[in-house]
N, C-alpha and C. Protein backbone atom coordinates (compact mmCIF):
# COMPACT_ATOMS: atom_id res chain seq x y z
N MET A 1 26.76 -11.45 -3.94
CA MET A 1 25.54 -12.23 -3.85
C MET A 1 24.94 -12.41 -5.24
N ASP A 2 24.43 -13.64 -5.53
CA ASP A 2 23.84 -13.94 -6.82
C ASP A 2 22.41 -13.42 -6.85
N THR A 3 22.20 -12.25 -7.46
CA THR A 3 20.86 -11.67 -7.47
C THR A 3 20.19 -11.77 -8.82
N THR A 4 20.93 -11.51 -9.93
CA THR A 4 20.35 -11.55 -11.26
C THR A 4 21.31 -12.23 -12.21
N GLN A 5 20.80 -13.15 -13.02
CA GLN A 5 21.64 -13.83 -13.99
C GLN A 5 21.93 -12.91 -15.16
N GLN A 6 22.90 -13.30 -15.99
CA GLN A 6 23.30 -12.46 -17.11
C GLN A 6 22.18 -12.28 -18.12
N ASP A 7 21.27 -13.25 -18.23
CA ASP A 7 20.16 -13.13 -19.18
C ASP A 7 19.01 -12.31 -18.62
N GLY A 8 19.19 -11.72 -17.41
CA GLY A 8 18.16 -10.86 -16.83
C GLY A 8 17.18 -11.58 -15.92
N ARG A 9 17.26 -12.92 -15.89
CA ARG A 9 16.35 -13.65 -15.02
C ARG A 9 16.83 -13.57 -13.57
N PRO A 10 15.91 -13.67 -12.60
CA PRO A 10 16.32 -13.60 -11.20
C PRO A 10 17.34 -14.68 -10.86
N GLY A 11 18.34 -14.31 -10.07
CA GLY A 11 19.33 -15.27 -9.62
C GLY A 11 18.82 -16.08 -8.45
N THR A 12 19.66 -16.97 -7.95
CA THR A 12 19.26 -17.88 -6.88
C THR A 12 18.82 -17.13 -5.63
N ALA A 13 19.60 -16.13 -5.20
CA ALA A 13 19.27 -15.40 -3.98
C ALA A 13 17.96 -14.64 -4.13
N GLU A 14 17.76 -14.02 -5.30
CA GLU A 14 16.53 -13.27 -5.52
C GLU A 14 15.31 -14.19 -5.55
N ARG A 15 15.46 -15.36 -6.20
CA ARG A 15 14.36 -16.32 -6.23
C ARG A 15 14.03 -16.81 -4.82
N ARG A 16 15.07 -17.08 -4.04
CA ARG A 16 14.85 -17.56 -2.67
C ARG A 16 14.16 -16.49 -1.84
N ARG A 17 14.57 -15.24 -2.00
CA ARG A 17 13.95 -14.14 -1.27
C ARG A 17 12.47 -14.04 -1.63
N ARG A 18 12.16 -14.18 -2.92
CA ARG A 18 10.77 -14.11 -3.35
C ARG A 18 9.97 -15.27 -2.75
N GLU A 19 10.55 -16.45 -2.71
CA GLU A 19 9.87 -17.60 -2.12
C GLU A 19 9.58 -17.37 -0.63
N LEU A 20 10.53 -16.76 0.07
CA LEU A 20 10.33 -16.49 1.49
C LEU A 20 9.23 -15.45 1.69
N LEU A 21 9.18 -14.44 0.83
CA LEU A 21 8.12 -13.44 0.93
C LEU A 21 6.76 -14.07 0.64
N GLU A 22 6.71 -15.00 -0.29
CA GLU A 22 5.45 -15.68 -0.59
C GLU A 22 5.01 -16.54 0.60
N ALA A 23 5.97 -17.17 1.27
CA ALA A 23 5.64 -17.93 2.48
C ALA A 23 5.13 -17.00 3.57
N ALA A 24 5.78 -15.84 3.71
CA ALA A 24 5.33 -14.86 4.70
C ALA A 24 3.92 -14.38 4.38
N ASP A 25 3.64 -14.16 3.10
CA ASP A 25 2.29 -13.75 2.69
C ASP A 25 1.24 -14.78 3.10
N ARG A 26 1.56 -16.04 2.92
CA ARG A 26 0.59 -17.10 3.27
C ARG A 26 0.27 -17.07 4.75
N VAL A 27 1.30 -16.88 5.57
CA VAL A 27 1.08 -16.81 7.02
C VAL A 27 0.27 -15.57 7.38
N VAL A 28 0.61 -14.44 6.77
CA VAL A 28 -0.12 -13.20 7.05
C VAL A 28 -1.58 -13.32 6.65
N LEU A 29 -1.86 -13.97 5.52
CA LEU A 29 -3.24 -14.15 5.08
C LEU A 29 -4.04 -14.99 6.07
N ARG A 30 -3.36 -15.92 6.75
CA ARG A 30 -4.04 -16.75 7.75
C ARG A 30 -4.17 -16.05 9.09
N GLU A 31 -3.11 -15.37 9.51
CA GLU A 31 -3.02 -14.91 10.89
C GLU A 31 -3.07 -13.39 11.07
N GLY A 32 -2.91 -12.64 9.98
CA GLY A 32 -2.98 -11.19 10.08
C GLY A 32 -1.90 -10.63 10.98
N PRO A 33 -2.24 -9.64 11.83
CA PRO A 33 -1.25 -9.00 12.69
C PRO A 33 -0.57 -9.95 13.68
N LYS A 34 -1.15 -11.12 13.91
CA LYS A 34 -0.55 -12.07 14.85
C LYS A 34 0.51 -12.96 14.21
N ALA A 35 0.77 -12.77 12.94
CA ALA A 35 1.79 -13.57 12.26
C ALA A 35 3.15 -13.35 12.93
N SER A 36 3.83 -14.44 13.23
CA SER A 36 5.10 -14.35 13.93
C SER A 36 6.25 -14.79 13.02
N MET A 37 7.46 -14.41 13.39
CA MET A 37 8.64 -14.84 12.65
C MET A 37 8.78 -16.35 12.72
N ASN A 38 8.47 -16.96 13.85
CA ASN A 38 8.54 -18.41 13.98
C ASN A 38 7.60 -19.09 12.99
N ALA A 39 6.38 -18.56 12.88
CA ALA A 39 5.39 -19.16 11.97
C ALA A 39 5.83 -19.00 10.52
N ILE A 40 6.40 -17.85 10.19
CA ILE A 40 6.84 -17.61 8.82
C ILE A 40 8.01 -18.53 8.48
N ALA A 41 8.96 -18.69 9.40
CA ALA A 41 10.09 -19.59 9.16
C ALA A 41 9.60 -21.02 8.98
N ALA A 42 8.65 -21.44 9.81
CA ALA A 42 8.10 -22.80 9.70
C ALA A 42 7.40 -23.00 8.36
N GLU A 43 6.65 -22.00 7.93
CA GLU A 43 5.95 -22.08 6.64
C GLU A 43 6.94 -22.24 5.50
N ALA A 44 8.09 -21.57 5.62
CA ALA A 44 9.11 -21.63 4.57
C ALA A 44 10.00 -22.87 4.70
N GLY A 45 9.86 -23.62 5.81
CA GLY A 45 10.66 -24.82 6.01
C GLY A 45 12.10 -24.52 6.37
N ILE A 46 12.31 -23.39 7.08
CA ILE A 46 13.66 -22.99 7.49
C ILE A 46 13.63 -22.60 8.96
N THR A 47 14.80 -22.30 9.51
CA THR A 47 14.88 -21.82 10.88
C THR A 47 14.81 -20.29 10.88
N LYS A 48 14.50 -19.72 12.02
CA LYS A 48 14.39 -18.27 12.10
C LYS A 48 15.71 -17.57 11.79
N PRO A 49 16.88 -18.07 12.25
CA PRO A 49 18.13 -17.41 11.89
C PRO A 49 18.35 -17.31 10.38
N ILE A 50 17.92 -18.32 9.63
CA ILE A 50 18.06 -18.27 8.18
C ILE A 50 17.16 -17.18 7.60
N LEU A 51 15.96 -17.05 8.17
CA LEU A 51 15.06 -15.98 7.74
C LEU A 51 15.71 -14.62 7.96
N TYR A 52 16.35 -14.44 9.12
CA TYR A 52 17.05 -13.18 9.41
C TYR A 52 18.20 -12.95 8.44
N ARG A 53 18.85 -14.02 8.02
CA ARG A 53 19.99 -13.90 7.12
C ARG A 53 19.57 -13.26 5.79
N HIS A 54 18.36 -13.55 5.36
CA HIS A 54 17.88 -13.02 4.09
C HIS A 54 17.38 -11.58 4.21
N PHE A 55 16.87 -11.20 5.39
CA PHE A 55 16.22 -9.89 5.52
C PHE A 55 16.89 -8.96 6.52
N GLY A 56 17.98 -9.40 7.12
CA GLY A 56 18.75 -8.52 8.01
C GLY A 56 18.27 -8.55 9.43
N ASP A 57 16.99 -8.25 9.64
CA ASP A 57 16.42 -8.29 10.99
C ASP A 57 14.91 -8.37 10.86
N LYS A 58 14.23 -8.27 12.00
CA LYS A 58 12.78 -8.41 12.01
C LYS A 58 12.11 -7.33 11.18
N ALA A 59 12.58 -6.10 11.34
CA ALA A 59 11.99 -4.99 10.60
C ALA A 59 12.25 -5.12 9.10
N GLY A 60 13.36 -5.76 8.72
CA GLY A 60 13.67 -5.92 7.31
C GLY A 60 12.65 -6.76 6.57
N LEU A 61 12.16 -7.81 7.21
CA LEU A 61 11.14 -8.65 6.59
C LEU A 61 9.84 -7.87 6.45
N TYR A 62 9.47 -7.15 7.50
CA TYR A 62 8.25 -6.34 7.41
C TYR A 62 8.36 -5.32 6.27
N GLN A 63 9.50 -4.65 6.18
CA GLN A 63 9.67 -3.64 5.14
C GLN A 63 9.58 -4.26 3.75
N ALA A 64 10.17 -5.44 3.59
CA ALA A 64 10.11 -6.11 2.29
C ALA A 64 8.67 -6.45 1.92
N LEU A 65 7.88 -6.90 2.89
CA LEU A 65 6.47 -7.19 2.64
C LEU A 65 5.71 -5.90 2.33
N ALA A 66 6.02 -4.84 3.06
CA ALA A 66 5.33 -3.56 2.83
C ALA A 66 5.62 -3.04 1.43
N VAL A 67 6.89 -3.11 0.99
CA VAL A 67 7.24 -2.66 -0.36
C VAL A 67 6.52 -3.50 -1.40
N ARG A 68 6.49 -4.80 -1.19
CA ARG A 68 5.83 -5.73 -2.12
C ARG A 68 4.37 -5.34 -2.34
N HIS A 69 3.65 -5.10 -1.25
CA HIS A 69 2.23 -4.80 -1.35
C HIS A 69 1.98 -3.35 -1.76
N THR A 70 2.84 -2.44 -1.31
CA THR A 70 2.68 -1.04 -1.70
C THR A 70 2.93 -0.87 -3.19
N ASP A 71 3.93 -1.55 -3.74
CA ASP A 71 4.21 -1.47 -5.18
C ASP A 71 3.00 -1.95 -5.98
N ALA A 72 2.42 -3.06 -5.56
CA ALA A 72 1.25 -3.59 -6.27
C ALA A 72 0.08 -2.62 -6.20
N LEU A 73 -0.14 -2.02 -5.01
CA LEU A 73 -1.23 -1.06 -4.86
C LEU A 73 -1.00 0.18 -5.72
N LEU A 74 0.23 0.70 -5.73
CA LEU A 74 0.53 1.88 -6.53
C LEU A 74 0.32 1.62 -8.02
N ASP A 75 0.69 0.44 -8.49
CA ASP A 75 0.46 0.10 -9.89
C ASP A 75 -1.03 0.14 -10.21
N SER A 76 -1.86 -0.40 -9.31
CA SER A 76 -3.30 -0.41 -9.52
C SER A 76 -3.88 1.00 -9.48
N LEU A 77 -3.38 1.82 -8.56
CA LEU A 77 -3.87 3.20 -8.45
C LEU A 77 -3.51 4.00 -9.70
N ARG A 78 -2.29 3.84 -10.19
CA ARG A 78 -1.89 4.57 -11.40
C ARG A 78 -2.74 4.15 -12.59
N ALA A 79 -3.03 2.84 -12.70
CA ALA A 79 -3.86 2.36 -13.80
C ALA A 79 -5.25 2.98 -13.74
N ALA A 80 -5.81 3.09 -12.53
CA ALA A 80 -7.14 3.70 -12.38
C ALA A 80 -7.10 5.17 -12.74
N LEU A 81 -6.05 5.87 -12.34
CA LEU A 81 -5.93 7.30 -12.64
C LEU A 81 -5.74 7.57 -14.13
N ASP A 82 -5.12 6.64 -14.83
CA ASP A 82 -4.82 6.85 -16.24
C ASP A 82 -5.84 6.23 -17.19
N ALA A 83 -6.88 5.63 -16.64
CA ALA A 83 -7.90 5.00 -17.49
C ALA A 83 -8.62 6.07 -18.31
N PRO A 84 -9.02 5.75 -19.54
CA PRO A 84 -9.73 6.72 -20.39
C PRO A 84 -11.16 6.94 -19.91
N ALA A 85 -11.36 7.95 -19.10
CA ALA A 85 -12.69 8.23 -18.56
C ALA A 85 -12.73 9.68 -18.10
N GLU A 86 -13.91 10.17 -17.82
CA GLU A 86 -14.09 11.52 -17.29
C GLU A 86 -13.42 11.61 -15.92
N ARG A 87 -12.98 12.83 -15.56
CA ARG A 87 -12.13 13.00 -14.38
C ARG A 87 -12.79 12.47 -13.10
N ARG A 88 -14.02 12.80 -12.85
CA ARG A 88 -14.66 12.33 -11.62
C ARG A 88 -14.71 10.80 -11.59
N SER A 89 -14.98 10.19 -12.74
CA SER A 89 -15.02 8.73 -12.80
C SER A 89 -13.67 8.13 -12.44
N ARG A 90 -12.59 8.80 -12.87
CA ARG A 90 -11.26 8.29 -12.54
C ARG A 90 -10.93 8.47 -11.06
N VAL A 91 -11.39 9.58 -10.48
CA VAL A 91 -11.20 9.76 -9.04
C VAL A 91 -11.95 8.67 -8.28
N GLU A 92 -13.20 8.42 -8.68
CA GLU A 92 -13.98 7.38 -8.02
C GLU A 92 -13.32 6.01 -8.18
N ALA A 93 -12.82 5.73 -9.39
CA ALA A 93 -12.17 4.44 -9.64
C ALA A 93 -10.91 4.28 -8.80
N THR A 94 -10.19 5.38 -8.60
CA THR A 94 -8.96 5.33 -7.81
C THR A 94 -9.26 5.07 -6.33
N LEU A 95 -10.25 5.77 -5.80
CA LEU A 95 -10.64 5.54 -4.41
C LEU A 95 -11.16 4.11 -4.24
N ASP A 96 -11.94 3.65 -5.22
CA ASP A 96 -12.49 2.30 -5.15
C ASP A 96 -11.37 1.26 -5.21
N THR A 97 -10.34 1.52 -6.01
CA THR A 97 -9.21 0.59 -6.12
C THR A 97 -8.55 0.37 -4.76
N TYR A 98 -8.37 1.45 -4.01
CA TYR A 98 -7.78 1.33 -2.68
C TYR A 98 -8.66 0.49 -1.78
N LEU A 99 -9.96 0.78 -1.78
CA LEU A 99 -10.88 0.05 -0.90
C LEU A 99 -11.01 -1.41 -1.30
N VAL A 100 -11.01 -1.68 -2.60
CA VAL A 100 -11.05 -3.07 -3.07
C VAL A 100 -9.83 -3.83 -2.56
N ALA A 101 -8.67 -3.18 -2.59
CA ALA A 101 -7.43 -3.84 -2.16
C ALA A 101 -7.48 -4.22 -0.68
N ILE A 102 -7.96 -3.31 0.18
CA ILE A 102 -7.97 -3.65 1.61
C ILE A 102 -9.12 -4.60 1.94
N GLU A 103 -10.20 -4.53 1.14
CA GLU A 103 -11.32 -5.44 1.37
C GLU A 103 -10.96 -6.87 0.95
N ALA A 104 -10.20 -6.99 -0.14
CA ALA A 104 -9.85 -8.31 -0.66
C ALA A 104 -8.86 -9.04 0.25
N ARG A 105 -7.97 -8.29 0.90
CA ARG A 105 -6.94 -8.91 1.75
C ARG A 105 -6.87 -8.18 3.09
N PRO A 106 -7.94 -8.27 3.88
CA PRO A 106 -7.98 -7.51 5.13
C PRO A 106 -6.90 -7.92 6.12
N GLN A 107 -6.51 -9.19 6.11
CA GLN A 107 -5.46 -9.61 7.04
C GLN A 107 -4.12 -8.98 6.69
N VAL A 108 -3.85 -8.86 5.39
CA VAL A 108 -2.61 -8.20 4.96
C VAL A 108 -2.64 -6.74 5.37
N TYR A 109 -3.78 -6.09 5.14
CA TYR A 109 -3.92 -4.68 5.53
C TYR A 109 -3.69 -4.51 7.03
N ARG A 110 -4.31 -5.36 7.83
CA ARG A 110 -4.15 -5.23 9.29
C ARG A 110 -2.72 -5.52 9.72
N PHE A 111 -2.06 -6.46 9.05
CA PHE A 111 -0.67 -6.75 9.37
C PHE A 111 0.22 -5.54 9.10
N LEU A 112 -0.03 -4.86 7.97
CA LEU A 112 0.80 -3.73 7.59
C LEU A 112 0.50 -2.48 8.42
N MET A 113 -0.74 -2.32 8.86
CA MET A 113 -1.14 -1.07 9.49
C MET A 113 -1.37 -1.15 11.00
N HIS A 114 -1.52 -2.35 11.54
CA HIS A 114 -1.85 -2.45 12.97
C HIS A 114 -1.01 -3.51 13.65
N PRO A 115 -0.38 -3.16 14.77
CA PRO A 115 0.32 -4.18 15.55
C PRO A 115 -0.69 -5.09 16.22
N ALA A 116 -0.25 -6.28 16.59
CA ALA A 116 -1.14 -7.19 17.31
C ALA A 116 -1.56 -6.55 18.63
N GLU A 117 -2.78 -6.84 19.05
CA GLU A 117 -3.27 -6.25 20.30
C GLU A 117 -2.49 -6.75 21.50
N ASP A 118 -2.05 -7.99 21.43
CA ASP A 118 -1.29 -8.56 22.54
C ASP A 118 -0.12 -9.34 21.97
N SER A 119 1.02 -8.66 21.81
CA SER A 119 2.17 -9.27 21.15
C SER A 119 2.67 -10.50 21.89
N SER A 120 2.73 -10.45 23.23
CA SER A 120 3.29 -11.57 23.97
C SER A 120 2.40 -12.78 23.89
N ALA A 121 1.09 -12.56 23.93
CA ALA A 121 0.16 -13.68 23.91
C ALA A 121 0.09 -14.32 22.52
N SER A 122 0.30 -13.52 21.49
CA SER A 122 0.16 -14.03 20.13
C SER A 122 1.43 -14.68 19.60
N GLY A 123 2.54 -14.49 20.31
CA GLY A 123 3.80 -15.00 19.82
C GLY A 123 4.44 -14.08 18.80
N ARG A 124 3.90 -12.94 18.65
CA ARG A 124 4.43 -11.98 17.68
C ARG A 124 5.73 -11.40 18.21
N ASP A 125 6.75 -11.34 17.36
CA ASP A 125 8.04 -10.85 17.83
C ASP A 125 8.56 -9.68 17.03
N PHE A 126 7.70 -8.97 16.32
CA PHE A 126 8.08 -7.67 15.81
C PHE A 126 6.84 -6.81 15.66
N ASP A 127 7.04 -5.52 15.85
CA ASP A 127 5.92 -4.58 15.92
C ASP A 127 5.82 -3.80 14.63
N THR A 128 4.69 -3.94 13.92
CA THR A 128 4.52 -3.23 12.66
C THR A 128 4.07 -1.79 12.86
N GLY A 129 3.55 -1.46 14.02
CA GLY A 129 2.97 -0.14 14.21
C GLY A 129 3.93 0.98 13.92
N GLN A 130 5.18 0.81 14.30
CA GLN A 130 6.16 1.88 14.11
C GLN A 130 6.54 2.06 12.64
N HIS A 131 6.17 1.10 11.78
CA HIS A 131 6.55 1.17 10.37
C HIS A 131 5.43 1.64 9.46
N SER A 132 4.19 1.70 9.95
CA SER A 132 3.07 2.06 9.08
C SER A 132 3.15 3.52 8.63
N VAL A 133 3.71 4.41 9.45
CA VAL A 133 3.81 5.82 9.07
C VAL A 133 4.68 6.00 7.84
N PRO A 134 5.89 5.42 7.75
CA PRO A 134 6.68 5.55 6.52
C PRO A 134 5.95 4.98 5.30
N LEU A 135 5.19 3.91 5.47
CA LEU A 135 4.44 3.33 4.37
C LEU A 135 3.41 4.33 3.84
N LEU A 136 2.67 4.97 4.75
CA LEU A 136 1.67 5.96 4.34
C LEU A 136 2.33 7.18 3.71
N ARG A 137 3.49 7.56 4.23
CA ARG A 137 4.20 8.69 3.64
C ARG A 137 4.64 8.38 2.23
N ARG A 138 5.08 7.17 1.99
CA ARG A 138 5.47 6.80 0.63
C ARG A 138 4.26 6.88 -0.30
N LEU A 139 3.12 6.37 0.13
CA LEU A 139 1.92 6.46 -0.69
C LEU A 139 1.56 7.92 -0.96
N GLY A 140 1.71 8.77 0.06
CA GLY A 140 1.41 10.19 -0.11
C GLY A 140 2.32 10.86 -1.12
N GLU A 141 3.62 10.55 -1.05
CA GLU A 141 4.58 11.15 -1.99
C GLU A 141 4.33 10.67 -3.42
N GLU A 142 4.01 9.39 -3.57
CA GLU A 142 3.76 8.86 -4.91
C GLU A 142 2.50 9.46 -5.51
N LEU A 143 1.46 9.61 -4.69
CA LEU A 143 0.23 10.22 -5.19
C LEU A 143 0.47 11.69 -5.54
N ALA A 144 1.29 12.37 -4.76
CA ALA A 144 1.62 13.77 -5.05
C ALA A 144 2.28 13.90 -6.42
N LYS A 145 3.16 12.97 -6.76
CA LYS A 145 3.81 13.01 -8.08
C LYS A 145 2.78 12.86 -9.19
N VAL A 146 1.83 11.96 -8.98
CA VAL A 146 0.80 11.74 -9.99
C VAL A 146 -0.05 13.00 -10.17
N ILE A 147 -0.43 13.63 -9.06
CA ILE A 147 -1.24 14.85 -9.13
C ILE A 147 -0.48 15.97 -9.83
N GLU A 148 0.79 16.15 -9.48
CA GLU A 148 1.58 17.22 -10.08
C GLU A 148 1.75 17.02 -11.58
N GLU A 149 1.87 15.76 -12.00
CA GLU A 149 2.05 15.46 -13.42
C GLU A 149 0.78 15.72 -14.23
N ARG A 150 -0.38 15.61 -13.59
CA ARG A 150 -1.62 15.60 -14.34
C ARG A 150 -2.50 16.84 -14.17
N VAL A 151 -2.27 17.62 -13.12
CA VAL A 151 -3.15 18.74 -12.84
C VAL A 151 -2.34 20.03 -12.75
N ASP A 152 -2.82 21.07 -13.43
CA ASP A 152 -2.16 22.38 -13.38
C ASP A 152 -2.68 23.15 -12.17
N LEU A 153 -1.85 23.24 -11.15
CA LEU A 153 -2.24 23.90 -9.89
C LEU A 153 -1.56 25.26 -9.73
N GLY A 154 -0.98 25.77 -10.80
CA GLY A 154 -0.39 27.10 -10.72
C GLY A 154 1.04 27.09 -10.23
N PRO A 155 1.58 28.28 -9.91
CA PRO A 155 3.00 28.41 -9.56
C PRO A 155 3.40 27.64 -8.29
N GLU A 156 2.46 27.40 -7.41
CA GLU A 156 2.76 26.64 -6.19
C GLU A 156 2.25 25.21 -6.30
N GLY A 157 2.17 24.71 -7.53
CA GLY A 157 1.59 23.40 -7.78
C GLY A 157 2.29 22.25 -7.08
N ALA A 158 3.63 22.28 -7.06
CA ALA A 158 4.37 21.17 -6.45
C ALA A 158 4.06 21.05 -4.97
N GLU A 159 4.02 22.20 -4.30
CA GLU A 159 3.71 22.19 -2.86
C GLU A 159 2.27 21.74 -2.62
N LEU A 160 1.35 22.27 -3.41
CA LEU A 160 -0.06 21.91 -3.23
C LEU A 160 -0.30 20.44 -3.55
N ALA A 161 0.41 19.92 -4.56
CA ALA A 161 0.27 18.50 -4.90
C ALA A 161 0.68 17.61 -3.74
N ARG A 162 1.73 18.01 -3.02
CA ARG A 162 2.15 17.21 -1.86
C ARG A 162 1.12 17.30 -0.74
N VAL A 163 0.55 18.48 -0.54
CA VAL A 163 -0.50 18.62 0.48
C VAL A 163 -1.67 17.71 0.12
N TRP A 164 -2.09 17.78 -1.13
CA TRP A 164 -3.22 16.95 -1.56
C TRP A 164 -2.87 15.46 -1.49
N GLY A 165 -1.68 15.09 -1.93
CA GLY A 165 -1.30 13.69 -1.93
C GLY A 165 -1.36 13.08 -0.54
N HIS A 166 -0.73 13.77 0.42
CA HIS A 166 -0.73 13.25 1.78
C HIS A 166 -2.11 13.36 2.41
N GLY A 167 -2.84 14.42 2.07
CA GLY A 167 -4.18 14.57 2.62
C GLY A 167 -5.12 13.49 2.14
N ILE A 168 -5.07 13.17 0.84
CA ILE A 168 -5.95 12.13 0.29
C ILE A 168 -5.60 10.76 0.87
N VAL A 169 -4.30 10.47 0.98
CA VAL A 169 -3.89 9.19 1.57
C VAL A 169 -4.35 9.10 3.03
N GLY A 170 -4.19 10.20 3.78
CA GLY A 170 -4.65 10.20 5.16
C GLY A 170 -6.15 9.98 5.26
N MET A 171 -6.90 10.65 4.38
CA MET A 171 -8.35 10.47 4.37
C MET A 171 -8.72 9.03 4.05
N MET A 172 -8.09 8.47 3.03
CA MET A 172 -8.43 7.10 2.63
C MET A 172 -8.03 6.08 3.69
N HIS A 173 -6.89 6.33 4.34
CA HIS A 173 -6.47 5.41 5.40
C HIS A 173 -7.47 5.44 6.55
N ALA A 174 -7.83 6.64 7.01
CA ALA A 174 -8.76 6.75 8.14
C ALA A 174 -10.14 6.23 7.77
N ALA A 175 -10.65 6.65 6.60
CA ALA A 175 -11.99 6.22 6.20
C ALA A 175 -12.02 4.72 5.92
N GLY A 176 -10.98 4.22 5.25
CA GLY A 176 -10.94 2.79 4.94
C GLY A 176 -10.81 1.94 6.18
N ASP A 177 -10.04 2.39 7.14
CA ASP A 177 -9.87 1.65 8.39
C ASP A 177 -11.20 1.56 9.15
N TRP A 178 -11.88 2.68 9.22
CA TRP A 178 -13.20 2.72 9.87
C TRP A 178 -14.20 1.83 9.14
N TRP A 179 -14.23 1.94 7.80
CA TRP A 179 -15.19 1.19 7.00
C TRP A 179 -14.92 -0.31 7.08
N LEU A 180 -13.65 -0.71 7.02
CA LEU A 180 -13.31 -2.13 7.06
C LEU A 180 -13.70 -2.75 8.40
N GLY A 181 -13.61 -1.95 9.46
CA GLY A 181 -13.94 -2.47 10.78
C GLY A 181 -15.43 -2.53 11.07
N GLU A 182 -16.19 -1.56 10.55
CA GLU A 182 -17.61 -1.48 10.90
C GLU A 182 -18.57 -1.81 9.76
N ARG A 183 -18.17 -1.61 8.53
CA ARG A 183 -19.01 -1.78 7.35
C ARG A 183 -20.37 -1.08 7.51
N PRO A 184 -20.38 0.21 7.84
CA PRO A 184 -21.64 0.92 8.07
C PRO A 184 -22.40 1.24 6.78
N LEU A 185 -21.74 1.13 5.62
CA LEU A 185 -22.38 1.38 4.33
C LEU A 185 -21.63 0.60 3.28
N ASP A 186 -22.24 0.46 2.09
CA ASP A 186 -21.56 -0.32 1.07
C ASP A 186 -20.43 0.50 0.44
N ARG A 187 -19.54 -0.20 -0.26
CA ARG A 187 -18.33 0.44 -0.78
C ARG A 187 -18.66 1.53 -1.79
N ALA A 188 -19.65 1.29 -2.64
CA ALA A 188 -20.00 2.27 -3.66
C ALA A 188 -20.46 3.59 -3.04
N ARG A 189 -21.24 3.52 -1.97
CA ARG A 189 -21.71 4.72 -1.30
C ARG A 189 -20.56 5.46 -0.65
N LEU A 190 -19.62 4.71 -0.06
CA LEU A 190 -18.45 5.34 0.56
C LEU A 190 -17.61 6.06 -0.50
N VAL A 191 -17.39 5.41 -1.63
CA VAL A 191 -16.61 6.01 -2.71
C VAL A 191 -17.27 7.30 -3.18
N SER A 192 -18.57 7.27 -3.39
CA SER A 192 -19.28 8.46 -3.85
C SER A 192 -19.18 9.60 -2.84
N ALA A 193 -19.34 9.28 -1.56
CA ALA A 193 -19.28 10.32 -0.53
C ALA A 193 -17.89 10.92 -0.42
N LEU A 194 -16.86 10.10 -0.51
CA LEU A 194 -15.49 10.62 -0.43
C LEU A 194 -15.14 11.44 -1.68
N THR A 195 -15.64 11.03 -2.83
CA THR A 195 -15.40 11.81 -4.05
C THR A 195 -16.07 13.17 -3.94
N ASP A 196 -17.27 13.21 -3.38
CA ASP A 196 -17.94 14.49 -3.16
C ASP A 196 -17.08 15.41 -2.29
N LEU A 197 -16.45 14.82 -1.29
CA LEU A 197 -15.61 15.61 -0.39
C LEU A 197 -14.43 16.22 -1.13
N LEU A 198 -13.85 15.46 -2.06
CA LEU A 198 -12.70 15.94 -2.82
C LEU A 198 -13.10 16.87 -3.96
N TRP A 199 -14.34 16.83 -4.34
CA TRP A 199 -14.74 17.44 -5.60
C TRP A 199 -14.99 18.94 -5.47
N GLY A 200 -13.99 19.65 -4.99
CA GLY A 200 -14.06 21.09 -4.90
C GLY A 200 -13.14 21.69 -5.94
N ARG A 201 -11.97 22.09 -5.53
CA ARG A 201 -11.03 22.73 -6.46
C ARG A 201 -10.55 21.77 -7.55
N LEU A 202 -10.49 20.48 -7.24
CA LEU A 202 -10.03 19.51 -8.23
C LEU A 202 -10.92 19.53 -9.46
N ALA A 203 -12.22 19.77 -9.27
CA ALA A 203 -13.15 19.76 -10.40
C ALA A 203 -12.88 20.89 -11.37
N THR A 204 -12.36 22.02 -10.89
CA THR A 204 -12.19 23.20 -11.74
C THR A 204 -10.76 23.43 -12.19
N ALA A 205 -9.79 22.68 -11.63
CA ALA A 205 -8.39 22.85 -12.03
C ALA A 205 -8.19 22.35 -13.45
N GLY A 206 -7.33 23.05 -14.20
CA GLY A 206 -7.06 22.64 -15.57
C GLY A 206 -6.02 21.52 -15.64
N ASP A 207 -6.00 20.81 -16.77
CA ASP A 207 -4.96 19.81 -16.99
C ASP A 207 -3.65 20.52 -17.29
N ARG A 208 -2.53 19.89 -16.90
CA ARG A 208 -1.21 20.47 -17.17
C ARG A 208 -0.89 20.33 -18.65
N ALA A 209 -0.41 21.41 -19.25
CA ALA A 209 -0.08 21.41 -20.67
C ALA A 209 1.02 20.41 -20.97
N GLY A 210 0.78 19.60 -21.97
CA GLY A 210 1.80 18.62 -22.38
C GLY A 210 1.84 17.38 -21.53
N GLY A 211 1.04 17.33 -20.45
CA GLY A 211 1.03 16.17 -19.57
C GLY A 211 -0.02 15.17 -19.98
N PRO A 212 -0.11 14.07 -19.24
CA PRO A 212 -1.07 13.03 -19.59
C PRO A 212 -2.51 13.37 -19.28
N GLY A 213 -2.73 14.48 -18.54
CA GLY A 213 -4.09 14.86 -18.19
C GLY A 213 -4.61 14.06 -17.01
N PHE A 214 -5.73 14.55 -16.46
CA PHE A 214 -6.32 13.87 -15.31
C PHE A 214 -7.80 14.13 -15.30
């Protein structure tokens, strides 16, 4: 398959795959969890079998979209964590980055995290609910790596970093989901309250020697 040209530029197949993902994004932005494979194929100007040919099956397209958006979110989170600022400010900026992302594209968030309420009525022909757990686990593992690299947690640091990584992602997912649905307070107040919750042992832990700091 032609994926990358010799000069490093994307090949025909890779460009086409990116175009199809962009078409899928447009449909998801309009329809959220009700986005269907038929609608995505129509948006791309192709038939559904051709869409399957590029992504293998229904779950393959969802996974490609999830990786696309998760990669972008992780890049933003790492940038917030590595910004030159006091530690609490960086924690607040990181939590805010996550909330900004789901607030800016709520339909994408709902597509990735929630199946349609009525799949048959909406024309939806694949269920995202079963895939959201691996997505959250990936975010948890990536955050754990960042914590382990930046914070000295002692001899059991690797294990504790994974606990914290998955715990923080779980907290942000639950709190963000609730906040996005109800908007009971403004984003700044939510960020401050969640940072207060985290600001126990993290505030007193030392930076890892030779690492980038946190």
